[in-house]
Amino acid sequence: YPDDSYDRLWFPFLPKNGQVMTKIVNNTATSFATNVPDYPPPAVLSHAITPASNSGNSQLPLTSFLDASTPETLPYYLNLYYSEVTQSNSNRSFFVYLDKGSISGTIVPPYGSFHEFTCPNCSFSPTSNLALVPTQNSTLPPIVNAMELFKFSDALVNGTSAAD
């Protein structure tokens, strides 16, 4: 995205394995996107996805973002961004699950602003499953506007001799 001052790469979510998602465009998101921690570009936050059905989980296929060539579990830094797009009496609340265990408290996306969920040291393997799971009292399906995923790596080494 040319408007990302941190030069991050952003890609659209592409459902896999027969998943059906609904894309939502929130044209007002850009007016309050500047107050979001970690400063994702407003264009990224102006879209959201949600399951087409009110039942089930919103699955985020992380496998395409992970290094499948290494079978080991690796540490990642994860950011998820949420904003409520409907002004209604309905309730949207959910948990972030990683491999069948919750890694978040209850998330209720705010209307007119954004919530950022951060997992600074999540361990993912190429077969890990990240899901947004609705709470029992949620009447709307989970929603997500954007996701960032950073893989930890070894420290960089000098490319030349220090004596050069």
C-alpha atoms as a PDB file:
ATOM      1  CA  TYR A   1       0.000   0.000   0.000  1.00  0.00           C
ATOM      2  CA  PRO A   2       1.518   3.315  -1.000  1.00  0.00           C
ATOM      3  CA  ASP A   3      -0.025   5.068   2.017  1.00  0.00           C
ATOM      4  CA  ASP A   4       1.692   2.746   4.551  1.00  0.00           C
ATOM      5  CA  SER A   5       4.523   4.780   6.047  1.00  0.00           C
ATOM      6  CA  TYR A   6       6.084   1.572   7.447  1.00  0.00           C
ATOM      7  CA  ASP A   7       6.318  -0.013   3.990  1.00  0.00           C
ATOM      8  CA  ARG A   8       4.359  -3.122   5.019  1.00  0.00           C
ATOM      9  CA  LEU A   9       2.783  -5.416   2.446  1.00  0.00           C
ATOM     10  CA  TRP A  10      -0.979  -5.990   2.693  1.00  0.00           C
ATOM     11  CA  PHE A  11      -2.901  -8.671   0.796  1.00  0.00           C
ATOM     12  CA  PRO A  12      -6.650  -9.272   0.476  1.00  0.00           C
ATOM     13  CA  PHE A  13      -8.107 -12.203   2.382  1.00  0.00           C
ATOM     14  CA  LEU A  14      -8.747 -15.125   0.052  1.00  0.00           C
ATOM     15  CA  PRO A  15     -11.108 -17.794   1.457  1.00  0.00           C
ATOM     16  CA  LYS A  16      -9.997 -21.401   1.049  1.00  0.00           C
ATOM     17  CA  ASN A  17     -11.530 -24.873   1.274  1.00  0.00           C
ATOM     18  CA  GLY A  18     -15.036 -23.802   0.309  1.00  0.00           C
ATOM     19  CA  GLN A  19     -15.295 -20.973   2.847  1.00  0.00           C
ATOM     20  CA  VAL A  20     -17.926 -18.388   2.003  1.00  0.00           C
ATOM     21  CA  MET A  21     -17.246 -14.888   3.303  1.00  0.00           C
ATOM     22  CA  THR A  22     -19.042 -11.586   2.995  1.00  0.00           C
ATOM     23  CA  LYS A  23     -16.938  -8.522   2.198  1.00  0.00           C
ATOM     24  CA  ILE A  24     -18.079  -5.301   3.857  1.00  0.00           C
ATOM     25  CA  VAL A  25     -16.959  -1.839   2.774  1.00  0.00           C
ATOM     26  CA  ASN A  26     -16.924   0.810   5.498  1.00  0.00           C
ATOM     27  CA  ASN A  27     -16.409   4.182   3.825  1.00  0.00           C
ATOM     28  CA  THR A  28     -16.347   6.050   7.154  1.00  0.00           C
ATOM     29  CA  ALA A  29     -13.407   4.013   8.491  1.00  0.00           C
ATOM     30  CA  THR A  30     -10.798   6.306   6.980  1.00  0.00           C
ATOM     31  CA  SER A  31     -12.013   9.233   9.116  1.00  0.00           C
ATOM     32  CA  PHE A  32     -11.024   7.522  12.389  1.00  0.00           C
ATOM     33  CA  ALA A  33      -8.295   5.148  11.200  1.00  0.00           C
ATOM     34  CA  THR A  34      -5.496   7.539  12.201  1.00  0.00           C
ATOM     35  CA  ASN A  35      -6.068   6.763  15.901  1.00  0.00           C
ATOM     36  CA  VAL A  36      -5.269   3.053  15.556  1.00  0.00           C
ATOM     37  CA  PRO A  37      -2.112   1.749  17.277  1.00  0.00           C
ATOM     38  CA  ASP A  38       0.578   0.489  14.882  1.00  0.00           C
ATOM     39  CA  TYR A  39      -0.864   2.788  12.190  1.00  0.00           C
ATOM     40  CA  PRO A  40      -2.297   0.457   9.547  1.00  0.00           C
ATOM     41  CA  PRO A  41      -3.162   2.350   6.349  1.00  0.00           C
ATOM     42  CA  PRO A  42      -6.749   3.669   6.231  1.00  0.00           C
ATOM     43  CA  ALA A  43      -7.400   1.868   2.930  1.00  0.00           C
ATOM     44  CA  VAL A  44      -6.777  -1.485   4.645  1.00  0.00           C
ATOM     45  CA  LEU A  45      -9.191  -0.661   7.447  1.00  0.00           C
ATOM     46  CA  SER A  46     -11.984   0.429   5.107  1.00  0.00           C
ATOM     47  CA  HIS A  47     -12.849  -3.218   4.351  1.00  0.00           C
ATOM     48  CA  ALA A  48     -13.907  -6.098   6.567  1.00  0.00           C
ATOM     49  CA  ILE A  49     -14.897  -9.718   6.179  1.00  0.00           C
ATOM     50  CA  THR A  50     -17.394 -11.806   8.058  1.00  0.00           C
ATOM     51  CA  PRO A  51     -18.814 -15.298   7.522  1.00  0.00           C
ATOM     52  CA  ALA A  52     -21.717 -15.363   5.074  1.00  0.00           C
ATOM     53  CA  SER A  53     -23.663 -17.371   7.646  1.00  0.00           C
ATOM     54  CA  ASN A  54     -24.416 -16.321  11.206  1.00  0.00           C
ATOM     55  CA  SER A  55     -23.294 -19.739  12.448  1.00  0.00           C
ATOM     56  CA  GLY A  56     -19.823 -21.227  12.593  1.00  0.00           C
ATOM     57  CA  ASN A  57     -16.396 -19.668  12.910  1.00  0.00           C
ATOM     58  CA  SER A  58     -14.653 -17.117  10.775  1.00  0.00           C
ATOM     59  CA  GLN A  59     -11.568 -19.087   9.811  1.00  0.00           C
ATOM     60  CA  LEU A  60      -8.380 -17.228   8.955  1.00  0.00           C
ATOM     61  CA  PRO A  61      -6.124 -19.531   6.901  1.00  0.00           C
ATOM     62  CA  LEU A  62      -2.656 -18.732   8.216  1.00  0.00           C
ATOM     63  CA  THR A  63      -1.045 -21.598   6.340  1.00  0.00           C
ATOM     64  CA  SER A  64      -0.492 -19.408   3.281  1.00  0.00           C
ATOM     65  CA  PHE A  65       1.422 -16.872   5.402  1.00  0.00           C
ATOM     66  CA  LEU A  66       3.628 -19.405   7.198  1.00  0.00           C
ATOM     67  CA  ASP A  67       6.809 -21.046   6.029  1.00  0.00           C
ATOM     68  CA  ALA A  68       5.522 -24.529   5.199  1.00  0.00           C
ATOM     69  CA  SER A  69       9.037 -25.755   4.440  1.00  0.00           C
ATOM     70  CA  THR A  70       9.884 -25.891   8.156  1.00  0.00           C
ATOM     71  CA  PRO A  71       7.797 -28.390  10.133  1.00  0.00           C
ATOM     72  CA  GLU A  72       8.664 -26.789  13.461  1.00  0.00           C
ATOM     73  CA  THR A  73       6.604 -24.367  15.502  1.00  0.00           C
ATOM     74  CA  LEU A  74       7.849 -20.783  15.162  1.00  0.00           C
ATOM     75  CA  PRO A  75       7.096 -17.564  17.081  1.00  0.00           C
ATOM     76  CA  TYR A  76       5.089 -14.845  15.337  1.00  0.00           C
ATOM     77  CA  TYR A  77       3.818 -11.377  16.221  1.00  0.00           C
ATOM     78  CA  LEU A  78       0.109 -11.070  15.391  1.00  0.00           C
ATOM     79  CA  ASN A  79      -2.115  -7.979  15.112  1.00  0.00           C
ATOM     80  CA  LEU A  80      -5.839  -8.141  14.306  1.00  0.00           C
ATOM     81  CA  TYR A  81      -7.941  -5.006  13.711  1.00  0.00           C
ATOM     82  CA  TYR A  82     -11.711  -4.787  14.264  1.00  0.00           C
ATOM     83  CA  SER A  83     -14.423  -2.172  13.845  1.00  0.00           C
ATOM     84  CA  GLU A  84     -18.197  -2.533  14.059  1.00  0.00           C
ATOM     85  CA  VAL A  85     -19.773  -1.562  10.748  1.00  0.00           C
ATOM     86  CA  THR A  86     -23.452  -1.707  11.703  1.00  0.00           C
ATOM     87  CA  GLN A  87     -25.220   0.644  14.045  1.00  0.00           C
ATOM     88  CA  SER A  88     -27.914  -1.645  15.436  1.00  0.00           C
ATOM     89  CA  ASN A  89     -29.278  -3.256  18.572  1.00  0.00           C
ATOM     90  CA  SER A  90     -27.575  -6.529  17.654  1.00  0.00           C
ATOM     91  CA  ASN A  91     -24.552  -7.863  19.530  1.00  0.00           C
ATOM     92  CA  ARG A  92     -21.248  -8.845  17.956  1.00  0.00           C
ATOM     93  CA  SER A  93     -18.725 -10.441  20.314  1.00  0.00           C
ATOM     94  CA  PHE A  94     -16.168 -13.180  19.851  1.00  0.00           C
ATOM     95  CA  PHE A  95     -12.888 -14.746  20.959  1.00  0.00           C
ATOM     96  CA  VAL A  96      -9.653 -15.309  19.057  1.00  0.00           C
ATOM     97  CA  TYR A  97      -8.831 -19.024  19.125  1.00  0.00           C
ATOM     98  CA  LEU A  98      -5.524 -20.618  18.200  1.00  0.00           C
ATOM     99  CA  ASP A  99      -5.631 -24.394  17.783  1.00  0.00           C
ATOM    100  CA  LYS A 100      -8.822 -24.824  19.867  1.00  0.00           C
ATOM    101  CA  GLY A 101      -7.697 -22.595  22.752  1.00  0.00           C
ATOM    102  CA  SER A 102      -8.701 -18.969  23.336  1.00  0.00           C
ATOM    103  CA  ILE A 103      -5.832 -16.468  23.218  1.00  0.00           C
ATOM    104  CA  SER A 104      -8.013 -13.408  23.858  1.00  0.00           C
ATOM    105  CA  GLY A 105     -10.639 -12.069  26.153  1.00  0.00           C
ATOM    106  CA  THR A 106     -14.059 -11.219  24.744  1.00  0.00           C
ATOM    107  CA  ILE A 107     -13.705  -8.858  21.785  1.00  0.00           C
ATOM    108  CA  VAL A 108     -16.546  -6.423  21.079  1.00  0.00           C
ATOM    109  CA  PRO A 109     -15.669  -4.333  18.010  1.00  0.00           C
ATOM    110  CA  PRO A 110     -16.415  -0.657  18.696  1.00  0.00           C
ATOM    111  CA  TYR A 111     -18.632   1.361  16.368  1.00  0.00           C
ATOM    112  CA  GLY A 112     -16.905   4.507  15.091  1.00  0.00           C
ATOM    113  CA  SER A 113     -13.393   3.438  16.085  1.00  0.00           C
ATOM    114  CA  PHE A 114     -11.066   0.440  15.981  1.00  0.00           C
ATOM    115  CA  HIS A 115      -9.891  -2.243  18.379  1.00  0.00           C
ATOM    116  CA  GLU A 116      -6.476  -3.845  17.932  1.00  0.00           C
ATOM    117  CA  PHE A 117      -5.764  -7.304  19.330  1.00  0.00           C
ATOM    118  CA  THR A 118      -2.069  -8.109  19.683  1.00  0.00           C
ATOM    119  CA  CYS A 119      -0.378 -11.417  20.402  1.00  0.00           C
ATOM    120  CA  PRO A 120       3.322 -10.512  20.627  1.00  0.00           C
ATOM    121  CA  ASN A 121       4.609 -14.078  20.878  1.00  0.00           C
ATOM    122  CA  CYS A 122       2.152 -16.532  19.315  1.00  0.00           C
ATOM    123  CA  SER A 123       3.543 -19.894  18.284  1.00  0.00           C
ATOM    124  CA  PHE A 124       2.317 -21.160  14.926  1.00  0.00           C
ATOM    125  CA  SER A 125       3.097 -24.281  12.954  1.00  0.00           C
ATOM    126  CA  PRO A 126       2.230 -24.781   9.273  1.00  0.00           C
ATOM    127  CA  THR A 127      -0.932 -26.611  10.395  1.00  0.00           C
ATOM    128  CA  SER A 128      -2.079 -24.047  12.967  1.00  0.00           C
ATOM    129  CA  ASN A 129      -5.651 -22.816  12.840  1.00  0.00           C
ATOM    130  CA  LEU A 130      -6.614 -19.284  13.828  1.00  0.00           C
ATOM    131  CA  ALA A 131     -10.354 -18.723  14.237  1.00  0.00           C
ATOM    132  CA  LEU A 132     -12.727 -16.045  15.425  1.00  0.00           C
ATOM    133  CA  VAL A 133     -15.322 -17.840  17.557  1.00  0.00           C
ATOM    134  CA  PRO A 134     -18.582 -16.056  18.462  1.00  0.00           C
ATOM    135  CA  THR A 135     -19.600 -15.862  22.115  1.00  0.00           C
ATOM    136  CA  GLN A 136     -22.824 -17.547  23.191  1.00  0.00           C
ATOM    137  CA  ASN A 137     -24.740 -14.249  23.364  1.00  0.00           C
ATOM    138  CA  SER A 138     -23.476 -12.874  20.034  1.00  0.00           C
ATOM    139  CA  THR A 139     -26.230 -12.308  17.480  1.00  0.00           C
ATOM    140  CA  LEU A 140     -23.858 -11.264  14.686  1.00  0.00           C
ATOM    141  CA  PRO A 141     -20.956 -13.258  13.232  1.00  0.00           C
ATOM    142  CA  PRO A 142     -17.314 -12.318  13.938  1.00  0.00           C
ATOM    143  CA  ILE A 143     -15.683  -9.611  11.840  1.00  0.00           C
ATOM    144  CA  VAL A 144     -12.101  -8.620  11.033  1.00  0.00           C
ATOM    145  CA  ASN A 145     -10.795  -5.618   9.100  1.00  0.00           C
ATOM    146  CA  ALA A 146      -7.102  -6.433   8.848  1.00  0.00           C
ATOM    147  CA  MET A 147      -4.434  -8.822  10.060  1.00  0.00           C
ATOM    148  CA  GLU A 148      -0.662  -8.417  10.408  1.00  0.00           C
ATOM    149  CA  LEU A 149       1.660 -11.364  10.906  1.00  0.00           C
ATOM    150  CA  PHE A 150       5.406 -11.021  11.538  1.00  0.00           C
ATOM    151  CA  LYS A 151       7.738 -14.010  11.838  1.00  0.00           C
ATOM    152  CA  PHE A 152      10.591 -13.750  14.314  1.00  0.00           C
ATOM    153  CA  SER A 153      13.951 -14.562  12.775  1.00  0.00           C
ATOM    154  CA  ASP A 154      17.560 -14.785  13.816  1.00  0.00           C
ATOM    155  CA  ALA A 155      19.509 -11.559  14.167  1.00  0.00           C
ATOM    156  CA  LEU A 156      21.099 -10.226  11.019  1.00  0.00           C
ATOM    157  CA  VAL A 157      24.810 -10.833  10.657  1.00  0.00           C
ATOM    158  CA  ASN A 158      27.360  -8.482   9.177  1.00  0.00           C
ATOM    159  CA  GLY A 159      27.777  -9.063   5.467  1.00  0.00           C
ATOM    160  CA  THR A 160      31.376  -7.886   5.435  1.00  0.00           C
ATOM    161  CA  SER A 161      34.318  -7.884   7.772  1.00  0.00           C
ATOM    162  CA  ALA A 162      34.251  -5.201  10.459  1.00  0.00           C
ATOM    163  CA  ALA A 163      37.808  -4.286   9.378  1.00  0.00           C
ATOM    164  CA  ASP A 164      36.604  -3.232   5.881  1.00  0.00           C
END
